[in-house]
Amino acid sequence: MLGTGEEVLKVDKVSFGELVIGTGIYGSLPVTDEVVKTAKELSVNLVVKKLKDAVLYLEEPDTNFVLHLTCRALI
């Protein structure tokens, strides 16, 4: 499970315009309601996608990532 909203979004000296969470190739990484709520409170655009779709955002400016990689993703 992806930690609390505070753990994920309240990182000192990091500016979040957008946070993309890649939930793995099978979408198995759970994103808690607290993470979604905290993103909304901090005006962070939260994008939750399976890994293959999340990586399409890698070149977006002002975007941060949490990517769940599995062994199968590396093959």
PDB file of N, CA and C in Angstrom:
ATOM      1  N   MET A   1       0.850  -1.176   0.000  1.00  0.00           N
ATOM      2  CA  MET A   1       0.000   0.000   0.000  1.00  0.00           C
ATOM      3  C   MET A   1       0.889   1.230   0.000  1.00  0.00           C
ATOM      4  N   LEU A   2       0.489   2.236  -0.736  1.00  0.00           N
ATOM      5  CA  LEU A   2       1.237   3.482  -0.816  1.00  0.00           C
ATOM      6  C   LEU A   2       0.900   4.314   0.401  1.00  0.00           C
ATOM      7  N   GLY A   3       1.857   4.526   1.296  1.00  0.00           N
ATOM      8  CA  GLY A   3       1.738   5.251   2.557  1.00  0.00           C
ATOM      9  C   GLY A   3       0.613   6.249   2.723  1.00  0.00           C
ATOM     10  N   THR A   4       0.768   7.104   3.701  1.00  0.00           N
ATOM     11  CA  THR A   4      -0.243   8.112   3.976  1.00  0.00           C
ATOM     12  C   THR A   4      -0.076   9.280   3.023  1.00  0.00           C
ATOM     13  N   GLY A   5      -1.089  10.105   2.947  1.00  0.00           N
ATOM     14  CA  GLY A   5      -1.005  11.296   2.106  1.00  0.00           C
ATOM     15  C   GLY A   5       0.154  12.176   2.512  1.00  0.00           C
ATOM     16  N   GLU A   6       0.373  12.281   3.816  1.00  0.00           N
ATOM     17  CA  GLU A   6       1.458  13.116   4.307  1.00  0.00           C
ATOM     18  C   GLU A   6       2.812  12.562   3.865  1.00  0.00           C
ATOM     19  N   GLU A   7       2.987  11.244   3.964  1.00  0.00           N
ATOM     20  CA  GLU A   7       4.241  10.628   3.540  1.00  0.00           C
ATOM     21  C   GLU A   7       4.498  10.839   2.052  1.00  0.00           C
ATOM     22  N   VAL A   8       3.459  10.778   1.263  1.00  0.00           N
ATOM     23  CA  VAL A   8       3.613  10.846  -0.184  1.00  0.00           C
ATOM     24  C   VAL A   8       3.739  12.280  -0.682  1.00  0.00           C
ATOM     25  N   LEU A   9       2.991  13.211  -0.111  1.00  0.00           N
ATOM     26  CA  LEU A   9       2.895  14.554  -0.689  1.00  0.00           C
ATOM     27  C   LEU A   9       3.536  15.676   0.115  1.00  0.00           C
ATOM     28  N   LYS A  10       3.800  15.498   1.379  1.00  0.00           N
ATOM     29  CA  LYS A  10       4.375  16.581   2.181  1.00  0.00           C
ATOM     30  C   LYS A  10       5.870  16.364   2.358  1.00  0.00           C
ATOM     31  N   VAL A  11       6.588  16.451   1.270  1.00  0.00           N
ATOM     32  CA  VAL A  11       8.033  16.273   1.270  1.00  0.00           C
ATOM     33  C   VAL A  11       8.662  17.657   1.215  1.00  0.00           C
ATOM     34  N   ASP A  12       9.542  17.939   2.161  1.00  0.00           N
ATOM     35  CA  ASP A  12      10.191  19.251   2.207  1.00  0.00           C
ATOM     36  C   ASP A  12      10.947  19.548   0.915  1.00  0.00           C
ATOM     37  N   LYS A  13      10.826  20.780   0.462  1.00  0.00           N
ATOM     38  CA  LYS A  13      11.578  21.306  -0.669  1.00  0.00           C
ATOM     39  C   LYS A  13      11.279  20.613  -2.000  1.00  0.00           C
ATOM     40  N   VAL A  14      10.142  19.966  -2.101  1.00  0.00           N
ATOM     41  CA  VAL A  14       9.730  19.367  -3.374  1.00  0.00           C
ATOM     42  C   VAL A  14       8.448  20.055  -3.815  1.00  0.00           C
ATOM     43  N   SER A  15       8.442  20.552  -5.026  1.00  0.00           N
ATOM     44  CA  SER A  15       7.269  21.220  -5.569  1.00  0.00           C
ATOM     45  C   SER A  15       6.461  20.216  -6.383  1.00  0.00           C
ATOM     46  N   PHE A  16       5.206  20.061  -6.034  1.00  0.00           N
ATOM     47  CA  PHE A  16       4.335  19.139  -6.743  1.00  0.00           C
ATOM     48  C   PHE A  16       3.318  19.920  -7.556  1.00  0.00           C
ATOM     49  N   GLY A  17       3.469  19.938  -8.858  1.00  0.00           N
ATOM     50  CA  GLY A  17       2.423  20.463  -9.714  1.00  0.00           C
ATOM     51  C   GLY A  17       1.519  19.298 -10.086  1.00  0.00           C
ATOM     52  N   GLU A  18       2.186  18.182 -10.360  1.00  0.00           N
ATOM     53  CA  GLU A  18       1.478  16.969 -10.742  1.00  0.00           C
ATOM     54  C   GLU A  18       2.221  15.782 -10.140  1.00  0.00           C
ATOM     55  N   LEU A  19       1.471  14.821  -9.652  1.00  0.00           N
ATOM     56  CA  LEU A  19       2.048  13.584  -9.154  1.00  0.00           C
ATOM     57  C   LEU A  19       1.421  12.431  -9.915  1.00  0.00           C
ATOM     58  N   VAL A  20       2.264  11.676 -10.608  1.00  0.00           N
ATOM     59  CA  VAL A  20       1.804  10.513 -11.348  1.00  0.00           C
ATOM     60  C   VAL A  20       2.187   9.272 -10.548  1.00  0.00           C
ATOM     61  N   ILE A  21       1.198   8.451 -10.256  1.00  0.00           N
ATOM     62  CA  ILE A  21       1.449   7.201  -9.553  1.00  0.00           C
ATOM     63  C   ILE A  21       1.230   6.066 -10.534  1.00  0.00           C
ATOM     64  N   GLY A  22       2.310   5.352 -10.809  1.00  0.00           N
ATOM     65  CA  GLY A  22       2.236   4.168 -11.658  1.00  0.00           C
ATOM     66  C   GLY A  22       2.000   2.961 -10.768  1.00  0.00           C
ATOM     67  N   THR A  23       0.871   2.306 -10.923  1.00  0.00           N
ATOM     68  CA  THR A  23       0.448   1.256  -9.994  1.00  0.00           C
ATOM     69  C   THR A  23       0.933  -0.137 -10.378  1.00  0.00           C
ATOM     70  N   GLY A  24       1.923  -0.217 -11.268  1.00  0.00           N
ATOM     71  CA  GLY A  24       2.459  -1.508 -11.690  1.00  0.00           C
ATOM     72  C   GLY A  24       1.796  -1.992 -12.970  1.00  0.00           C
ATOM     73  N   ILE A  25       2.343  -3.042 -13.548  1.00  0.00           N
ATOM     74  CA  ILE A  25       1.798  -3.508 -14.824  1.00  0.00           C
ATOM     75  C   ILE A  25       0.410  -4.106 -14.682  1.00  0.00           C
ATOM     76  N   TYR A  26       0.080  -4.567 -13.474  1.00  0.00           N
ATOM     77  CA  TYR A  26      -1.253  -5.135 -13.247  1.00  0.00           C
ATOM     78  C   TYR A  26      -2.159  -4.192 -12.469  1.00  0.00           C
ATOM     79  N   GLY A  27      -1.656  -2.987 -12.132  1.00  0.00           N
ATOM     80  CA  GLY A  27      -2.447  -2.040 -11.357  1.00  0.00           C
ATOM     81  C   GLY A  27      -2.623  -2.463  -9.916  1.00  0.00           C
ATOM     82  N   SER A  28      -1.638  -3.168  -9.364  1.00  0.00           N
ATOM     83  CA  SER A  28      -1.798  -3.766  -8.042  1.00  0.00           C
ATOM     84  C   SER A  28      -1.389  -2.876  -6.867  1.00  0.00           C
ATOM     85  N   LEU A  29      -0.762  -1.727  -7.119  1.00  0.00           N
ATOM     86  CA  LEU A  29      -0.390  -0.838  -6.014  1.00  0.00           C
ATOM     87  C   LEU A  29      -1.603  -0.030  -5.576  1.00  0.00           C
ATOM     88  N   PRO A  30      -2.101  -0.271  -4.358  1.00  0.00           N
ATOM     89  CA  PRO A  30      -3.265   0.497  -3.905  1.00  0.00           C
ATOM     90  C   PRO A  30      -2.875   1.938  -3.555  1.00  0.00           C
ATOM     91  N   VAL A  31      -3.717   2.873  -3.926  1.00  0.00           N
ATOM     92  CA  VAL A  31      -3.552   4.279  -3.564  1.00  0.00           C
ATOM     93  C   VAL A  31      -4.666   4.601  -2.579  1.00  0.00           C
ATOM     94  N   THR A  32      -4.282   5.006  -1.382  1.00  0.00           N
ATOM     95  CA  THR A  32      -5.269   5.231  -0.326  1.00  0.00           C
ATOM     96  C   THR A  32      -6.112   6.479  -0.583  1.00  0.00           C
ATOM     97  N   ASP A  33      -7.279   6.487   0.017  1.00  0.00           N
ATOM     98  CA  ASP A  33      -8.147   7.663  -0.051  1.00  0.00           C
ATOM     99  C   ASP A  33      -7.453   8.869   0.565  1.00  0.00           C
ATOM    100  N   GLU A  34      -6.601   8.619   1.566  1.00  0.00           N
ATOM    101  CA  GLU A  34      -5.883   9.713   2.215  1.00  0.00           C
ATOM    102  C   GLU A  34      -4.918  10.396   1.254  1.00  0.00           C
ATOM    103  N   VAL A  35      -4.271   9.634   0.384  1.00  0.00           N
ATOM    104  CA  VAL A  35      -3.376  10.220  -0.614  1.00  0.00           C
ATOM    105  C   VAL A  35      -4.173  11.100  -1.571  1.00  0.00           C
ATOM    106  N   VAL A  36      -5.317  10.610  -2.019  1.00  0.00           N
ATOM    107  CA  VAL A  36      -6.174  11.372  -2.930  1.00  0.00           C
ATOM    108  C   VAL A  36      -6.650  12.652  -2.250  1.00  0.00           C
ATOM    109  N   LYS A  37      -7.076  12.544  -0.993  1.00  0.00           N
ATOM    110  CA  LYS A  37      -7.564  13.706  -0.232  1.00  0.00           C
ATOM    111  C   LYS A  37      -6.453  14.733  -0.027  1.00  0.00           C
ATOM    112  N   THR A  38      -5.268  14.273   0.348  1.00  0.00           N
ATOM    113  CA  THR A  38      -4.150  15.188   0.578  1.00  0.00           C
ATOM    114  C   THR A  38      -3.742  15.894  -0.715  1.00  0.00           C
ATOM    115  N   ALA A  39      -3.738  15.176  -1.819  1.00  0.00           N
ATOM    116  CA  ALA A  39      -3.418  15.792  -3.113  1.00  0.00           C
ATOM    117  C   ALA A  39      -4.403  16.913  -3.417  1.00  0.00           C
ATOM    118  N   LYS A  40      -5.668  16.638  -3.185  1.00  0.00           N
ATOM    119  CA  LYS A  40      -6.692  17.653  -3.443  1.00  0.00           C
ATOM    120  C   LYS A  40      -6.494  18.874  -2.545  1.00  0.00           C
ATOM    121  N   GLU A  41      -6.201  18.638  -1.258  1.00  0.00           N
ATOM    122  CA  GLU A  41      -5.984  19.738  -0.311  1.00  0.00           C
ATOM    123  C   GLU A  41      -4.792  20.597  -0.698  1.00  0.00           C
ATOM    124  N   LEU A  42      -3.776  19.984  -1.280  1.00  0.00           N
ATOM    125  CA  LEU A  42      -2.566  20.704  -1.666  1.00  0.00           C
ATOM    126  C   LEU A  42      -2.587  21.184  -3.119  1.00  0.00           C
ATOM    127  N   SER A  43      -3.732  21.034  -3.771  1.00  0.00           N
ATOM    128  CA  SER A  43      -3.901  21.435  -5.173  1.00  0.00           C
ATOM    129  C   SER A  43      -2.885  20.750  -6.093  1.00  0.00           C
ATOM    130  N   VAL A  44      -2.647  19.477  -5.828  1.00  0.00           N
ATOM    131  CA  VAL A  44      -1.756  18.679  -6.661  1.00  0.00           C
ATOM    132  C   VAL A  44      -2.611  17.879  -7.632  1.00  0.00           C
ATOM    133  N   ASN A  45      -2.287  17.961  -8.909  1.00  0.00           N
ATOM    134  CA  ASN A  45      -2.988  17.156  -9.901  1.00  0.00           C
ATOM    135  C   ASN A  45      -2.479  15.721  -9.765  1.00  0.00           C
ATOM    136  N   LEU A  46      -3.340  14.830  -9.315  1.00  0.00           N
ATOM    137  CA  LEU A  46      -2.965  13.443  -9.086  1.00  0.00           C
ATOM    138  C   LEU A  46      -3.442  12.588 -10.251  1.00  0.00           C
ATOM    139  N   VAL A  47      -2.508  11.844 -10.840  1.00  0.00           N
ATOM    140  CA  VAL A  47      -2.815  10.946 -11.949  1.00  0.00           C
ATOM    141  C   VAL A  47      -2.426   9.546 -11.502  1.00  0.00           C
ATOM    142  N   VAL A  48      -3.377   8.619 -11.516  1.00  0.00           N
ATOM    143  CA  VAL A  48      -3.113   7.239 -11.124  1.00  0.00           C
ATOM    144  C   VAL A  48      -3.370   6.355 -12.345  1.00  0.00           C
ATOM    145  N   LYS A  49      -2.315   5.681 -12.797  1.00  0.00           N
ATOM    146  CA  LYS A  49      -2.387   4.859 -14.016  1.00  0.00           C
ATOM    147  C   LYS A  49      -1.577   3.588 -13.830  1.00  0.00           C
ATOM    148  N   LYS A  50      -1.888   2.575 -14.636  1.00  0.00           N
ATOM    149  CA  LYS A  50      -1.010   1.417 -14.699  1.00  0.00           C
ATOM    150  C   LYS A  50       0.337   1.887 -15.241  1.00  0.00           C
ATOM    151  N   LEU A  51       1.375   1.140 -14.943  1.00  0.00           N
ATOM    152  CA  LEU A  51       2.739   1.550 -15.271  1.00  0.00           C
ATOM    153  C   LEU A  51       2.921   1.936 -16.737  1.00  0.00           C
ATOM    154  N   LYS A  52       2.396   1.135 -17.651  1.00  0.00           N
ATOM    155  CA  LYS A  52       2.614   1.407 -19.085  1.00  0.00           C
ATOM    156  C   LYS A  52       2.033   2.747 -19.509  1.00  0.00           C
ATOM    157  N   ASP A  53       0.978   3.199 -18.834  1.00  0.00           N
ATOM    158  CA  ASP A  53       0.390   4.502 -19.147  1.00  0.00           C
ATOM    159  C   ASP A  53       1.054   5.626 -18.354  1.00  0.00           C
ATOM    160  N   ALA A  54       1.507   5.318 -17.151  1.00  0.00           N
ATOM    161  CA  ALA A  54       2.148   6.329 -16.304  1.00  0.00           C
ATOM    162  C   ALA A  54       3.457   6.827 -16.911  1.00  0.00           C
ATOM    163  N   VAL A  55       4.217   5.934 -17.530  1.00  0.00           N
ATOM    164  CA  VAL A  55       5.514   6.341 -18.079  1.00  0.00           C
ATOM    165  C   VAL A  55       5.370   7.329 -19.240  1.00  0.00           C
ATOM    166  N   LEU A  56       4.198   7.441 -19.806  1.00  0.00           N
ATOM    167  CA  LEU A  56       3.979   8.413 -20.882  1.00  0.00           C
ATOM    168  C   LEU A  56       4.083   9.850 -20.370  1.00  0.00           C
ATOM    169  N   TYR A  57       4.028  10.033 -19.053  1.00  0.00           N
ATOM    170  CA  TYR A  57       4.113  11.360 -18.442  1.00  0.00           C
ATOM    171  C   TYR A  57       5.545  11.749 -18.071  1.00  0.00           C
ATOM    172  N   LEU A  58       6.517  10.888 -18.321  1.00  0.00           N
ATOM    173  CA  LEU A  58       7.881  11.123 -17.838  1.00  0.00           C
ATOM    174  C   LEU A  58       8.505  12.428 -18.313  1.00  0.00           C
ATOM    175  N   GLU A  59       8.129  12.915 -19.454  1.00  0.00           N
ATOM    176  CA  GLU A  59       8.737  14.142 -19.969  1.00  0.00           C
ATOM    177  C   GLU A  59       7.931  15.395 -19.643  1.00  0.00           C
ATOM    178  N   GLU A  60       6.854  15.240 -18.880  1.00  0.00           N
ATOM    179  CA  GLU A  60       6.042  16.400 -18.502  1.00  0.00           C
ATOM    180  C   GLU A  60       6.800  17.253 -17.477  1.00  0.00           C
ATOM    181  N   PRO A  61       6.831  18.582 -17.665  1.00  0.00           N
ATOM    182  CA  PRO A  61       7.511  19.449 -16.697  1.00  0.00           C
ATOM    183  C   PRO A  61       6.734  19.502 -15.374  1.00  0.00           C
ATOM    184  N   ASP A  62       7.449  19.746 -14.294  1.00  0.00           N
ATOM    185  CA  ASP A  62       6.866  19.925 -12.955  1.00  0.00           C
ATOM    186  C   ASP A  62       6.029  18.719 -12.534  1.00  0.00           C
ATOM    187  N   THR A  63       6.488  17.524 -12.909  1.00  0.00           N
ATOM    188  CA  THR A  63       5.772  16.296 -12.574  1.00  0.00           C
ATOM    189  C   THR A  63       6.679  15.395 -11.758  1.00  0.00           C
ATOM    190  N   ASN A  64       6.121  14.830 -10.711  1.00  0.00           N
ATOM    191  CA  ASN A  64       6.835  13.890  -9.852  1.00  0.00           C
ATOM    192  C   ASN A  64       6.169  12.536  -9.986  1.00  0.00           C
ATOM    193  N   PHE A  65       6.920  11.489  -9.638  1.00  0.00           N
ATOM    194  CA  PHE A  65       6.433  10.129  -9.878  1.00  0.00           C
ATOM    195  C   PHE A  65       6.624   9.221  -8.688  1.00  0.00           C
ATOM    196  N   VAL A  66       5.690   8.299  -8.542  1.00  0.00           N
ATOM    197  CA  VAL A  66       5.839   7.111  -7.724  1.00  0.00           C
ATOM    198  C   VAL A  66       5.525   5.982  -8.693  1.00  0.00           C
ATOM    199  N   LEU A  67       6.521   5.142  -8.984  1.00  0.00           N
ATOM    200  CA  LEU A  67       6.317   4.068  -9.950  1.00  0.00           C
ATOM    201  C   LEU A  67       6.533   2.718  -9.266  1.00  0.00           C
ATOM    202  N   HIS A  68       5.533   1.875  -9.337  1.00  0.00           N
ATOM    203  CA  HIS A  68       5.624   0.524  -8.787  1.00  0.00           C
ATOM    204  C   HIS A  68       6.123  -0.399  -9.887  1.00  0.00           C
ATOM    205  N   LEU A  69       7.362  -0.897  -9.700  1.00  0.00           N
ATOM    206  CA  LEU A  69       7.963  -1.782 -10.692  1.00  0.00           C
ATOM    207  C   LEU A  69       7.919  -3.214 -10.165  1.00  0.00           C
ATOM    208  N   THR A  70       7.565  -4.125 -11.020  1.00  0.00           N
ATOM    209  CA  THR A  70       7.583  -5.530 -10.661  1.00  0.00           C
ATOM    210  C   THR A  70       8.628  -6.229 -11.506  1.00  0.00           C
ATOM    211  N   CYS A  71       8.946  -7.432 -11.152  1.00  0.00           N
ATOM    212  CA  CYS A  71       9.940  -8.194 -11.931  1.00  0.00           C
ATOM    213  C   CYS A  71       9.528  -8.287 -13.393  1.00  0.00           C
ATOM    214  N   ARG A  72       8.250  -8.486 -13.645  1.00  0.00           N
ATOM    215  CA  ARG A  72       7.768  -8.625 -15.020  1.00  0.00           C
ATOM    216  C   ARG A  72       7.942  -7.339 -15.805  1.00  0.00           C
ATOM    217  N   ALA A  73       7.925  -6.184 -15.124  1.00  0.00           N
ATOM    218  CA  ALA A  73       8.077  -4.906 -15.824  1.00  0.00           C
ATOM    219  C   ALA A  73       9.493  -4.744 -16.364  1.00  0.00           C
ATOM    220  N   LEU A  74      10.436  -5.464 -15.802  1.00  0.00           N
ATOM    221  CA  LEU A  74      11.829  -5.304 -16.202  1.00  0.00           C
ATOM    222  C   LEU A  74      12.244  -6.271 -17.292  1.00  0.00           C
ATOM    223  N   ILE A  75      11.362  -7.178 -17.665  1.00  0.00           N
ATOM    224  CA  ILE A  75      11.692  -8.181 -18.676  1.00  0.00           C
ATOM    225  C   ILE A  75      11.515  -7.604 -20.069  1.00  0.00           C
TER     226      ILE A  75
END
